[in-house]
PDB file of N, CA and C in Angstrom:
ATOM      1  N   MET A   1      -3.109  25.474 -20.232  1.00  0.00           N
ATOM      2  CA  MET A   1      -3.256  26.232 -19.020  1.00  0.00           C
ATOM      3  C   MET A   1      -3.709  25.305 -17.900  1.00  0.00           C
ATOM      4  N   LEU A   2      -2.988  25.315 -16.802  1.00  0.00           N
ATOM      5  CA  LEU A   2      -3.312  24.477 -15.664  1.00  0.00           C
ATOM      6  C   LEU A   2      -4.354  25.157 -14.782  1.00  0.00           C
ATOM      7  N   SER A   3      -5.303  24.364 -14.327  1.00  0.00           N
ATOM      8  CA  SER A   3      -6.305  24.914 -13.416  1.00  0.00           C
ATOM      9  C   SER A   3      -6.130  24.279 -12.041  1.00  0.00           C
ATOM     10  N   LYS A   4      -6.530  24.988 -11.012  1.00  0.00           N
ATOM     11  CA  LYS A   4      -6.423  24.488  -9.653  1.00  0.00           C
ATOM     12  C   LYS A   4      -7.508  23.453  -9.398  1.00  0.00           C
ATOM     13  N   PRO A   5      -7.239  22.476  -8.540  1.00  0.00           N
ATOM     14  CA  PRO A   5      -8.286  21.511  -8.204  1.00  0.00           C
ATOM     15  C   PRO A   5      -9.393  22.199  -7.411  1.00  0.00           C
ATOM     16  N   PRO A   6     -10.560  21.602  -7.367  1.00  0.00           N
ATOM     17  CA  PRO A   6     -11.644  22.223  -6.617  1.00  0.00           C
ATOM     18  C   PRO A   6     -11.251  22.421  -5.156  1.00  0.00           C
ATOM     19  N   PHE A   7     -11.844  23.433  -4.551  1.00  0.00           N
ATOM     20  CA  PHE A   7     -11.515  23.783  -3.173  1.00  0.00           C
ATOM     21  C   PHE A   7     -11.802  22.622  -2.226  1.00  0.00           C
ATOM     22  N   ARG A   8     -12.858  21.883  -2.465  1.00  0.00           N
ATOM     23  CA  ARG A   8     -13.253  20.778  -1.605  1.00  0.00           C
ATOM     24  C   ARG A   8     -12.175  19.697  -1.554  1.00  0.00           C
ATOM     25  N   ALA A   9     -11.544  19.400  -2.672  1.00  0.00           N
ATOM     26  CA  ALA A   9     -10.526  18.358  -2.717  1.00  0.00           C
ATOM     27  C   ALA A   9      -9.307  18.749  -1.880  1.00  0.00           C
ATOM     28  N   ARG A  10      -8.959  20.016  -1.906  1.00  0.00           N
ATOM     29  CA  ARG A  10      -7.810  20.451  -1.121  1.00  0.00           C
ATOM     30  C   ARG A  10      -8.117  20.432   0.375  1.00  0.00           C
ATOM     31  N   VAL A  11      -9.341  20.774   0.745  1.00  0.00           N
ATOM     32  CA  VAL A  11      -9.701  20.833   2.160  1.00  0.00           C
ATOM     33  C   VAL A  11      -9.789  19.442   2.765  1.00  0.00           C
ATOM     34  N   THR A  12     -10.325  18.469   2.028  1.00  0.00           N
ATOM     35  CA  THR A  12     -10.484  17.133   2.589  1.00  0.00           C
ATOM     36  C   THR A  12      -9.140  16.476   2.872  1.00  0.00           C
ATOM     37  N   LYS A  13      -8.100  16.847   2.173  1.00  0.00           N
ATOM     38  CA  LYS A  13      -6.784  16.291   2.464  1.00  0.00           C
ATOM     39  C   LYS A  13      -6.345  16.667   3.870  1.00  0.00           C
ATOM     40  N   PHE A  14      -6.704  17.851   4.312  1.00  0.00           N
ATOM     41  CA  PHE A  14      -6.264  18.298   5.618  1.00  0.00           C
ATOM     42  C   PHE A  14      -7.264  17.972   6.710  1.00  0.00           C
ATOM     43  N   LEU A  15      -8.525  17.737   6.360  1.00  0.00           N
ATOM     44  CA  LEU A  15      -9.486  17.333   7.365  1.00  0.00           C
ATOM     45  C   LEU A  15      -9.313  15.865   7.735  1.00  0.00           C
ATOM     46  N   LYS A  16      -8.954  15.041   6.771  1.00  0.00           N
ATOM     47  CA  LYS A  16      -8.752  13.614   7.007  1.00  0.00           C
ATOM     48  C   LYS A  16      -7.384  13.198   6.473  1.00  0.00           C
ATOM     49  N   PRO A  17      -6.321  13.653   7.127  1.00  0.00           N
ATOM     50  CA  PRO A  17      -5.003  13.351   6.558  1.00  0.00           C
ATOM     51  C   PRO A  17      -4.542  11.918   6.787  1.00  0.00           C
ATOM     52  N   TYR A  18      -5.063  11.234   7.812  1.00  0.00           N
ATOM     53  CA  TYR A  18      -4.631   9.872   8.101  1.00  0.00           C
ATOM     54  C   TYR A  18      -5.740   8.886   7.756  1.00  0.00           C
ATOM     55  N   ILE A  19      -5.406   7.876   6.957  1.00  0.00           N
ATOM     56  CA  ILE A  19      -6.396   6.897   6.515  1.00  0.00           C
ATOM     57  C   ILE A  19      -5.935   5.498   6.926  1.00  0.00           C
ATOM     58  N   LEU A  20      -6.851   4.747   7.530  1.00  0.00           N
ATOM     59  CA  LEU A  20      -6.590   3.367   7.928  1.00  0.00           C
ATOM     60  C   LEU A  20      -6.932   2.453   6.762  1.00  0.00           C
ATOM     61  N   ARG A  21      -5.952   1.657   6.340  1.00  0.00           N
ATOM     62  CA  ARG A  21      -6.149   0.687   5.263  1.00  0.00           C
ATOM     63  C   ARG A  21      -5.831  -0.703   5.795  1.00  0.00           C
ATOM     64  N   MET A  22      -6.635  -1.679   5.383  1.00  0.00           N
ATOM     65  CA  MET A  22      -6.469  -3.046   5.860  1.00  0.00           C
ATOM     66  C   MET A  22      -6.304  -4.000   4.683  1.00  0.00           C
ATOM     67  N   HIS A  23      -5.519  -5.044   4.917  1.00  0.00           N
ATOM     68  CA  HIS A  23      -5.330  -6.071   3.892  1.00  0.00           C
ATOM     69  C   HIS A  23      -5.403  -7.433   4.572  1.00  0.00           C
ATOM     70  N   PHE A  24      -6.192  -8.318   3.987  1.00  0.00           N
ATOM     71  CA  PHE A  24      -6.370  -9.657   4.532  1.00  0.00           C
ATOM     72  C   PHE A  24      -6.004 -10.672   3.457  1.00  0.00           C
ATOM     73  N   SER A  25      -5.009 -11.499   3.747  1.00  0.00           N
ATOM     74  CA  SER A  25      -4.662 -12.577   2.825  1.00  0.00           C
ATOM     75  C   SER A  25      -5.135 -13.890   3.437  1.00  0.00           C
ATOM     76  N   ASN A  26      -4.859 -14.985   2.769  1.00  0.00           N
ATOM     77  CA  ASN A  26      -5.259 -16.282   3.303  1.00  0.00           C
ATOM     78  C   ASN A  26      -4.428 -16.690   4.517  1.00  0.00           C
ATOM     79  N   LYS A  27      -3.267 -16.050   4.715  1.00  0.00           N
ATOM     80  CA  LYS A  27      -2.406 -16.403   5.837  1.00  0.00           C
ATOM     81  C   LYS A  27      -2.284 -15.304   6.883  1.00  0.00           C
ATOM     82  N   TYR A  28      -2.359 -14.035   6.489  1.00  0.00           N
ATOM     83  CA  TYR A  28      -2.017 -12.949   7.391  1.00  0.00           C
ATOM     84  C   TYR A  28      -3.038 -11.821   7.364  1.00  0.00           C
ATOM     85  N   VAL A  29      -2.971 -11.003   8.419  1.00  0.00           N
ATOM     86  CA  VAL A  29      -3.775  -9.788   8.541  1.00  0.00           C
ATOM     87  C   VAL A  29      -2.798  -8.636   8.691  1.00  0.00           C
ATOM     88  N   SER A  30      -2.997  -7.565   7.946  1.00  0.00           N
ATOM     89  CA  SER A  30      -2.143  -6.393   8.107  1.00  0.00           C
ATOM     90  C   SER A  30      -2.986  -5.136   7.990  1.00  0.00           C
ATOM     91  N   ALA A  31      -2.554  -4.106   8.707  1.00  0.00           N
ATOM     92  CA  ALA A  31      -3.243  -2.813   8.679  1.00  0.00           C
ATOM     93  C   ALA A  31      -2.186  -1.726   8.751  1.00  0.00           C
ATOM     94  N   GLN A  32      -2.458  -0.634   8.074  1.00  0.00           N
ATOM     95  CA  GLN A  32      -1.530   0.489   8.107  1.00  0.00           C
ATOM     96  C   GLN A  32      -2.301   1.795   8.049  1.00  0.00           C
ATOM     97  N   VAL A  33      -1.693   2.835   8.589  1.00  0.00           N
ATOM     98  CA  VAL A  33      -2.269   4.175   8.545  1.00  0.00           C
ATOM     99  C   VAL A  33      -1.373   5.007   7.648  1.00  0.00           C
ATOM    100  N   VAL A  34      -1.975   5.594   6.609  1.00  0.00           N
ATOM    101  CA  VAL A  34      -1.235   6.350   5.598  1.00  0.00           C
ATOM    102  C   VAL A  34      -1.525   7.834   5.775  1.00  0.00           C
ATOM    103  N   HIS A  35      -0.476   8.644   5.755  1.00  0.00           N
ATOM    104  CA  HIS A  35      -0.622  10.101   5.767  1.00  0.00           C
ATOM    105  C   HIS A  35      -0.776  10.541   4.316  1.00  0.00           C
ATOM    106  N   THR A  36      -1.993  10.927   3.932  1.00  0.00           N
ATOM    107  CA  THR A  36      -2.289  11.150   2.518  1.00  0.00           C
ATOM    108  C   THR A  36      -1.583  12.337   1.882  1.00  0.00           C
ATOM    109  N   PRO A  37      -1.391  13.486   2.554  1.00  0.00           N
ATOM    110  CA  PRO A  37      -0.690  14.573   1.853  1.00  0.00           C
ATOM    111  C   PRO A  37       0.728  14.226   1.431  1.00  0.00           C
ATOM    112  N   THR A  38       1.422  13.414   2.240  1.00  0.00           N
ATOM    113  CA  THR A  38       2.798  13.052   1.888  1.00  0.00           C
ATOM    114  C   THR A  38       2.915  11.631   1.357  1.00  0.00           C
ATOM    115  N   ALA A  39       1.838  10.854   1.402  1.00  0.00           N
ATOM    116  CA  ALA A  39       1.812   9.468   0.920  1.00  0.00           C
ATOM    117  C   ALA A  39       2.846   8.600   1.620  1.00  0.00           C
ATOM    118  N   THR A  40       2.975   8.777   2.931  1.00  0.00           N
ATOM    119  CA  THR A  40       3.883   7.958   3.716  1.00  0.00           C
ATOM    120  C   THR A  40       3.087   7.146   4.743  1.00  0.00           C
ATOM    121  N   VAL A  41       3.656   6.035   5.161  1.00  0.00           N
ATOM    122  CA  VAL A  41       3.011   5.189   6.164  1.00  0.00           C
ATOM    123  C   VAL A  41       3.375   5.725   7.541  1.00  0.00           C
ATOM    124  N   ALA A  42       2.360   6.108   8.310  1.00  0.00           N
ATOM    125  CA  ALA A  42       2.590   6.650   9.648  1.00  0.00           C
ATOM    126  C   ALA A  42       2.787   5.534  10.665  1.00  0.00           C
ATOM    127  N   ALA A  43       1.977   4.477  10.572  1.00  0.00           N
ATOM    128  CA  ALA A  43       2.099   3.342  11.490  1.00  0.00           C
ATOM    129  C   ALA A  43       1.538   2.112  10.802  1.00  0.00           C
ATOM    130  N   SER A  44       2.039   0.946  11.201  1.00  0.00           N
ATOM    131  CA  SER A  44       1.527  -0.295  10.623  1.00  0.00           C
ATOM    132  C   SER A  44       1.660  -1.420  11.632  1.00  0.00           C
ATOM    133  N   ALA A  45       0.845  -2.447  11.424  1.00  0.00           N
ATOM    134  CA  ALA A  45       0.918  -3.649  12.245  1.00  0.00           C
ATOM    135  C   ALA A  45       0.511  -4.823  11.368  1.00  0.00           C
ATOM    136  N   SER A  46       1.132  -5.965  11.608  1.00  0.00           N
ATOM    137  CA  SER A  46       0.856  -7.137  10.799  1.00  0.00           C
ATOM    138  C   SER A  46       1.017  -8.388  11.642  1.00  0.00           C
ATOM    139  N   SER A  47       0.305  -9.427  11.277  1.00  0.00           N
ATOM    140  CA  SER A  47       0.452 -10.693  11.987  1.00  0.00           C
ATOM    141  C   SER A  47       1.709 -11.436  11.544  1.00  0.00           C
ATOM    142  N   GLN A  48       2.481 -10.867  10.629  1.00  0.00           N
ATOM    143  CA  GLN A  48       3.747 -11.459  10.206  1.00  0.00           C
ATOM    144  C   GLN A  48       4.900 -11.085  11.139  1.00  0.00           C
ATOM    145  N   GLU A  49       4.680 -10.140  12.049  1.00  0.00           N
ATOM    146  CA  GLU A  49       5.750  -9.695  12.935  1.00  0.00           C
ATOM    147  C   GLU A  49       6.163 -10.836  13.871  1.00  0.00           C
ATOM    148  N   LYS A  50       7.455 -11.009  14.030  1.00  0.00           N
ATOM    149  CA  LYS A  50       7.980 -12.138  14.801  1.00  0.00           C
ATOM    150  C   LYS A  50       7.626 -12.044  16.278  1.00  0.00           C
ATOM    151  N   LEU A  51       7.480 -10.832  16.808  1.00  0.00           N
ATOM    152  CA  LEU A  51       7.156 -10.684  18.221  1.00  0.00           C
ATOM    153  C   LEU A  51       5.715 -11.081  18.528  1.00  0.00           C
ATOM    154  N   LEU A  52       4.835 -10.985  17.558  1.00  0.00           N
ATOM    155  CA  LEU A  52       3.423 -11.301  17.775  1.00  0.00           C
ATOM    156  C   LEU A  52       3.102 -12.776  17.578  1.00  0.00           C
ATOM    157  N   ARG A  53       3.829 -13.449  16.754  1.00  0.00           N
ATOM    158  CA  ARG A  53       3.491 -14.831  16.396  1.00  0.00           C
ATOM    159  C   ARG A  53       3.367 -15.786  17.590  1.00  0.00           C
ATOM    160  N   PRO A  54       4.264 -15.748  18.582  1.00  0.00           N
ATOM    161  CA  PRO A  54       4.096 -16.691  19.699  1.00  0.00           C
ATOM    162  C   PRO A  54       2.808 -16.472  20.498  1.00  0.00           C
ATOM    163  N   SER A  55       2.304 -15.236  20.534  1.00  0.00           N
ATOM    164  CA  SER A  55       1.113 -14.957  21.330  1.00  0.00           C
ATOM    165  C   SER A  55      -0.184 -15.240  20.575  1.00  0.00           C
ATOM    166  N   MET A  56      -0.099 -15.591  19.299  1.00  0.00           N
ATOM    167  CA  MET A  56      -1.290 -15.860  18.493  1.00  0.00           C
ATOM    168  C   MET A  56      -1.412 -17.344  18.196  1.00  0.00           C
ATOM    169  N   GLU A  57      -2.637 -17.847  18.233  1.00  0.00           N
ATOM    170  CA  GLU A  57      -2.867 -19.220  17.813  1.00  0.00           C
ATOM    171  C   GLU A  57      -2.875 -19.326  16.296  1.00  0.00           C
ATOM    172  N   SER A  58      -3.588 -18.373  15.676  1.00  0.00           N
ATOM    173  CA  SER A  58      -3.665 -18.325  14.218  1.00  0.00           C
ATOM    174  C   SER A  58      -3.345 -16.910  13.769  1.00  0.00           C
ATOM    175  N   THR A  59      -2.753 -16.773  12.601  1.00  0.00           N
ATOM    176  CA  THR A  59      -2.385 -15.445  12.106  1.00  0.00           C
ATOM    177  C   THR A  59      -3.407 -14.892  11.127  1.00  0.00           C
ATOM    178  N   ARG A  60      -4.564 -15.545  10.990  1.00  0.00           N
ATOM    179  CA  ARG A  60      -5.502 -15.091   9.968  1.00  0.00           C
ATOM    180  C   ARG A  60      -6.952 -15.004  10.425  1.00  0.00           C
ATOM    181  N   ASP A  61      -7.254 -15.273  11.681  1.00  0.00           N
ATOM    182  CA  ASP A  61      -8.648 -15.271  12.120  1.00  0.00           C
ATOM    183  C   ASP A  61      -9.052 -13.931  12.731  1.00  0.00           C
ATOM    184  N   VAL A  62     -10.259 -13.875  13.273  1.00  0.00           N
ATOM    185  CA  VAL A  62     -10.808 -12.636  13.824  1.00  0.00           C
ATOM    186  C   VAL A  62     -10.039 -12.214  15.079  1.00  0.00           C
ATOM    187  N   ALA A  63      -9.598 -13.172  15.880  1.00  0.00           N
ATOM    188  CA  ALA A  63      -8.823 -12.838  17.075  1.00  0.00           C
ATOM    189  C   ALA A  63      -7.489 -12.185  16.705  1.00  0.00           C
ATOM    190  N   ALA A  64      -6.859 -12.665  15.651  1.00  0.00           N
ATOM    191  CA  ALA A  64      -5.611 -12.050  15.184  1.00  0.00           C
ATOM    192  C   ALA A  64      -5.883 -10.636  14.680  1.00  0.00           C
ATOM    193  N   ALA A  65      -6.988 -10.433  13.994  1.00  0.00           N
ATOM    194  CA  ALA A  65      -7.350  -9.101  13.507  1.00  0.00           C
ATOM    195  C   ALA A  65      -7.575  -8.145  14.672  1.00  0.00           C
ATOM    196  N   ALA A  66      -8.175  -8.630  15.749  1.00  0.00           N
ATOM    197  CA  ALA A  66      -8.394  -7.790  16.926  1.00  0.00           C
ATOM    198  C   ALA A  66      -7.067  -7.393  17.573  1.00  0.00           C
ATOM    199  N   LYS A  67      -6.119  -8.328  17.649  1.00  0.00           N
ATOM    200  CA  LYS A  67      -4.808  -8.012  18.219  1.00  0.00           C
ATOM    201  C   LYS A  67      -4.054  -7.002  17.359  1.00  0.00           C
ATOM    202  N   ILE A  68      -4.175  -7.141  16.050  1.00  0.00           N
ATOM    203  CA  ILE A  68      -3.513  -6.206  15.141  1.00  0.00           C
ATOM    204  C   ILE A  68      -4.099  -4.807  15.316  1.00  0.00           C
ATOM    205  N   GLY A  69      -5.416  -4.720  15.446  1.00  0.00           N
ATOM    206  CA  GLY A  69      -6.056  -3.423  15.655  1.00  0.00           C
ATOM    207  C   GLY A  69      -5.637  -2.779  16.961  1.00  0.00           C
ATOM    208  N   LYS A  70      -5.539  -3.568  18.006  1.00  0.00           N
ATOM    209  CA  LYS A  70      -5.121  -3.039  19.307  1.00  0.00           C
ATOM    210  C   LYS A  70      -3.686  -2.524  19.249  1.00  0.00           C
ATOM    211  N   LEU A  71      -2.807  -3.298  18.633  1.00  0.00           N
ATOM    212  CA  LEU A  71      -1.410  -2.898  18.504  1.00  0.00           C
ATOM    213  C   LEU A  71      -1.275  -1.635  17.653  1.00  0.00           C
ATOM    214  N   LEU A  72      -2.029  -1.565  16.574  1.00  0.00           N
ATOM    215  CA  LEU A  72      -1.981  -0.382  15.715  1.00  0.00           C
ATOM    216  C   LEU A  72      -2.485   0.848  16.460  1.00  0.00           C
ATOM    217  N   GLY A  73      -3.546   0.697  17.242  1.00  0.00           N
ATOM    218  CA  GLY A  73      -4.056   1.816  18.024  1.00  0.00           C
ATOM    219  C   GLY A  73      -3.041   2.327  19.030  1.00  0.00           C
ATOM    220  N   GLU A  74      -2.327   1.410  19.691  1.00  0.00           N
ATOM    221  CA  GLU A  74      -1.289   1.813  20.645  1.00  0.00           C
ATOM    222  C   GLU A  74      -0.153   2.546  19.937  1.00  0.00           C
ATOM    223  N   ARG A  75       0.231   2.066  18.760  1.00  0.00           N
ATOM    224  CA  ARG A  75       1.303   2.732  18.009  1.00  0.00           C
ATOM    225  C   ARG A  75       0.876   4.115  17.539  1.00  0.00           C
ATOM    226  N   LEU A  76      -0.387   4.276  17.174  1.00  0.00           N
ATOM    227  CA  LEU A  76      -0.886   5.590  16.758  1.00  0.00           C
ATOM    228  C   LEU A  76      -0.874   6.569  17.924  1.00  0.00           C
ATOM    229  N   LEU A  77      -1.308   6.132  19.085  1.00  0.00           N
ATOM    230  CA  LEU A  77      -1.302   7.018  20.249  1.00  0.00           C
ATOM    231  C   LEU A  77       0.123   7.361  20.672  1.00  0.00           C
ATOM    232  N   PHE A  78       1.045   6.427  20.508  1.00  0.00           N
ATOM    233  CA  PHE A  78       2.447   6.694  20.824  1.00  0.00           C
ATOM    234  C   PHE A  78       3.011   7.780  19.910  1.00  0.00           C
ATOM    235  N   GLN A  79       2.578   7.799  18.653  1.00  0.00           N
ATOM    236  CA  GLN A  79       3.040   8.798  17.698  1.00  0.00           C
ATOM    237  C   GLN A  79       2.184  10.067  17.723  1.00  0.00           C
ATOM    238  N   LYS A  80       1.257  10.148  18.678  1.00  0.00           N
ATOM    239  CA  LYS A  80       0.388  11.312  18.877  1.00  0.00           C
ATOM    240  C   LYS A  80      -0.500  11.589  17.676  1.00  0.00           C
ATOM    241  N   ILE A  81      -1.091  10.526  17.132  1.00  0.00           N
ATOM    242  CA  ILE A  81      -2.082  10.652  16.060  1.00  0.00           C
ATOM    243  C   ILE A  81      -3.432  10.329  16.697  1.00  0.00           C
ATOM    244  N   PRO A  82      -4.280  11.346  16.942  1.00  0.00           N
ATOM    245  CA  PRO A  82      -5.504  11.132  17.712  1.00  0.00           C
ATOM    246  C   PRO A  82      -6.675  10.574  16.919  1.00  0.00           C
ATOM    247  N   ALA A  83      -6.690  10.776  15.589  1.00  0.00           N
ATOM    248  CA  ALA A  83      -7.856  10.369  14.802  1.00  0.00           C
ATOM    249  C   ALA A  83      -7.439   9.903  13.413  1.00  0.00           C
ATOM    250  N   VAL A  84      -8.174   8.922  12.886  1.00  0.00           N
ATOM    251  CA  VAL A  84      -7.941   8.416  11.536  1.00  0.00           C
ATOM    252  C   VAL A  84      -9.278   8.211  10.838  1.00  0.00           C
ATOM    253  N   ALA A  85      -9.250   8.219   9.533  1.00  0.00           N
ATOM    254  CA  ALA A  85     -10.422   7.881   8.730  1.00  0.00           C
ATOM    255  C   ALA A  85     -10.252   6.443   8.243  1.00  0.00           C
ATOM    256  N   VAL A  86     -11.362   5.745   8.083  1.00  0.00           N
ATOM    257  CA  VAL A  86     -11.323   4.346   7.657  1.00  0.00           C
ATOM    258  C   VAL A  86     -11.599   4.281   6.166  1.00  0.00           C
ATOM    259  N   PHE A  87     -10.743   3.573   5.444  1.00  0.00           N
ATOM    260  CA  PHE A  87     -10.917   3.377   4.011  1.00  0.00           C
ATOM    261  C   PHE A  87     -11.209   1.904   3.772  1.00  0.00           C
ATOM    262  N   LEU A  88     -12.412   1.619   3.270  1.00  0.00           N
ATOM    263  CA  LEU A  88     -12.785   0.243   2.949  1.00  0.00           C
ATOM    264  C   LEU A  88     -12.841   0.073   1.445  1.00  0.00           C
ATOM    265  N   LYS A  89     -12.285  -1.023   0.964  1.00  0.00           N
ATOM    266  CA  LYS A  89     -12.383  -1.329  -0.454  1.00  0.00           C
ATOM    267  C   LYS A  89     -13.814  -1.722  -0.786  1.00  0.00           C
ATOM    268  N   LYS A  90     -14.103  -1.826  -2.039  1.00  0.00           N
ATOM    269  CA  LYS A  90     -15.467  -2.119  -2.468  1.00  0.00           C
ATOM    270  C   LYS A  90     -15.971  -3.458  -1.925  1.00  0.00           C
ATOM    271  N   GLU A  91     -15.091  -4.443  -1.879  1.00  0.00           N
ATOM    272  CA  GLU A  91     -15.514  -5.775  -1.447  1.00  0.00           C
ATOM    273  C   GLU A  91     -15.465  -5.948   0.071  1.00  0.00           C
ATOM    274  N   GLN A  92     -14.911  -4.984   0.811  1.00  0.00           N
ATOM    275  CA  GLN A  92     -14.830  -5.101   2.262  1.00  0.00           C
ATOM    276  C   GLN A  92     -16.104  -4.575   2.902  1.00  0.00           C
ATOM    277  N   LYS A  93     -16.746  -5.408   3.691  1.00  0.00           N
ATOM    278  CA  LYS A  93     -17.934  -5.008   4.423  1.00  0.00           C
ATOM    279  C   LYS A  93     -17.585  -4.946   5.905  1.00  0.00           C
ATOM    280  N   TYR A  94     -18.335  -4.145   6.631  1.00  0.00           N
ATOM    281  CA  TYR A  94     -18.042  -3.914   8.037  1.00  0.00           C
ATOM    282  C   TYR A  94     -18.568  -5.076   8.880  1.00  0.00           C
ATOM    283  N   HIS A  95     -17.878  -6.191   8.829  1.00  0.00           N
ATOM    284  CA  HIS A  95     -18.165  -7.313   9.715  1.00  0.00           C
ATOM    285  C   HIS A  95     -16.989  -8.271   9.654  1.00  0.00           C
ATOM    286  N   GLY A  96     -16.887  -9.130  10.641  1.00  0.00           N
ATOM    287  CA  GLY A  96     -15.796 -10.095  10.679  1.00  0.00           C
ATOM    288  C   GLY A  96     -14.462  -9.465  11.030  1.00  0.00           C
ATOM    289  N   LYS A  97     -13.454  -9.723  10.212  1.00  0.00           N
ATOM    290  CA  LYS A  97     -12.107  -9.223  10.471  1.00  0.00           C
ATOM    291  C   LYS A  97     -12.039  -7.703  10.397  1.00  0.00           C
ATOM    292  N   VAL A  98     -12.759  -7.122   9.452  1.00  0.00           N
ATOM    293  CA  VAL A  98     -12.753  -5.665   9.300  1.00  0.00           C
ATOM    294  C   VAL A  98     -13.300  -5.017  10.567  1.00  0.00           C
ATOM    295  N   LYS A  99     -14.405  -5.535  11.067  1.00  0.00           N
ATOM    296  CA  LYS A  99     -15.013  -4.997  12.280  1.00  0.00           C
ATOM    297  C   LYS A  99     -14.078  -5.185  13.475  1.00  0.00           C
ATOM    298  N   ALA A 100     -13.397  -6.308  13.555  1.00  0.00           N
ATOM    299  CA  ALA A 100     -12.479  -6.558  14.665  1.00  0.00           C
ATOM    300  C   ALA A 100     -11.338  -5.551  14.678  1.00  0.00           C
ATOM    301  N   VAL A 101     -10.761  -5.252  13.511  1.00  0.00           N
ATOM    302  CA  VAL A 101      -9.659  -4.289  13.440  1.00  0.00           C
ATOM    303  C   VAL A 101     -10.160  -2.898  13.821  1.00  0.00           C
ATOM    304  N   VAL A 102     -11.259  -2.472  13.239  1.00  0.00           N
ATOM    305  CA  VAL A 102     -11.768  -1.121  13.471  1.00  0.00           C
ATOM    306  C   VAL A 102     -12.185  -0.941  14.930  1.00  0.00           C
ATOM    307  N   ASP A 103     -12.884  -1.905  15.496  1.00  0.00           N
ATOM    308  CA  ASP A 103     -13.309  -1.800  16.891  1.00  0.00           C
ATOM    309  C   ASP A 103     -12.128  -1.806  17.853  1.00  0.00           C
ATOM    310  N   SER A 104     -11.096  -2.572  17.546  1.00  0.00           N
ATOM    311  CA  SER A 104      -9.909  -2.606  18.406  1.00  0.00           C
ATOM    312  C   SER A 104      -9.151  -1.288  18.367  1.00  0.00           C
ATOM    313  N   VAL A 105      -9.080  -0.681  17.210  1.00  0.00           N
ATOM    314  CA  VAL A 105      -8.432   0.633  17.102  1.00  0.00           C
ATOM    315  C   VAL A 105      -9.231   1.653  17.901  1.00  0.00           C
ATOM    316  N   ARG A 106     -10.544   1.581  17.803  1.00  0.00           N
ATOM    317  CA  ARG A 106     -11.406   2.502  18.542  1.00  0.00           C
ATOM    318  C   ARG A 106     -11.264   2.293  20.054  1.00  0.00           C
ATOM    319  N   GLU A 107     -11.203   1.041  20.503  1.00  0.00           N
ATOM    320  CA  GLU A 107     -11.067   0.740  21.928  1.00  0.00           C
ATOM    321  C   GLU A 107      -9.706   1.171  22.470  1.00  0.00           C
ATOM    322  N   ALA A 108      -8.705   1.230  21.617  1.00  0.00           N
ATOM    323  CA  ALA A 108      -7.371   1.664  22.058  1.00  0.00           C
ATOM    324  C   ALA A 108      -7.353   3.159  22.357  1.00  0.00           C
ATOM    325  N   GLY A 109      -8.352   3.899  21.881  1.00  0.00           N
ATOM    326  CA  GLY A 109      -8.426   5.327  22.187  1.00  0.00           C
ATOM    327  C   GLY A 109      -8.277   6.241  20.992  1.00  0.00           C
ATOM    328  N   VAL A 110      -8.217   5.694  19.797  1.00  0.00           N
ATOM    329  CA  VAL A 110      -8.098   6.505  18.585  1.00  0.00           C
ATOM    330  C   VAL A 110      -9.507   6.802  18.065  1.00  0.00           C
ATOM    331  N   LYS A 111      -9.759   8.051  17.735  1.00  0.00           N
ATOM    332  CA  LYS A 111     -11.073   8.411  17.191  1.00  0.00           C
ATOM    333  C   LYS A 111     -11.107   8.069  15.710  1.00  0.00           C
ATOM    334  N   LEU A 112     -12.278   7.628  15.245  1.00  0.00           N
ATOM    335  CA  LEU A 112     -12.444   7.307  13.839  1.00  0.00           C
ATOM    336  C   LEU A 112     -13.343   8.346  13.206  1.00  0.00           C
ATOM    337  N   LEU A 113     -12.914   8.863  12.068  1.00  0.00           N
ATOM    338  CA  LEU A 113     -13.701   9.879  11.354  1.00  0.00           C
ATOM    339  C   LEU A 113     -14.570   9.252  10.305  1.00  0.00           C
TER     340      LEU A 113
END
């Protein structure tokens, strides 16, 4: 017999449907916003994009992370997504590149939950 999930789990999917996820490699910075009910990527930005590379000195430092956050925030507002929740992995702390991405998204006009 199948049972329904707890009421809280169903409600949180709709209260925080968009989640910001970040990935930092030794060469690149990338961030994406995932729509959790459908498990699709709503918007993404990466320092691997060919249009961004000429304007960046390095593709892996804090300045590159700030540019990625700003670009992602603009893309979210273009798609009319006003707010996102931030998902940090266990090893990610709120400083350095993570802080640069999150603050840039916030400065672009997207609310963070």
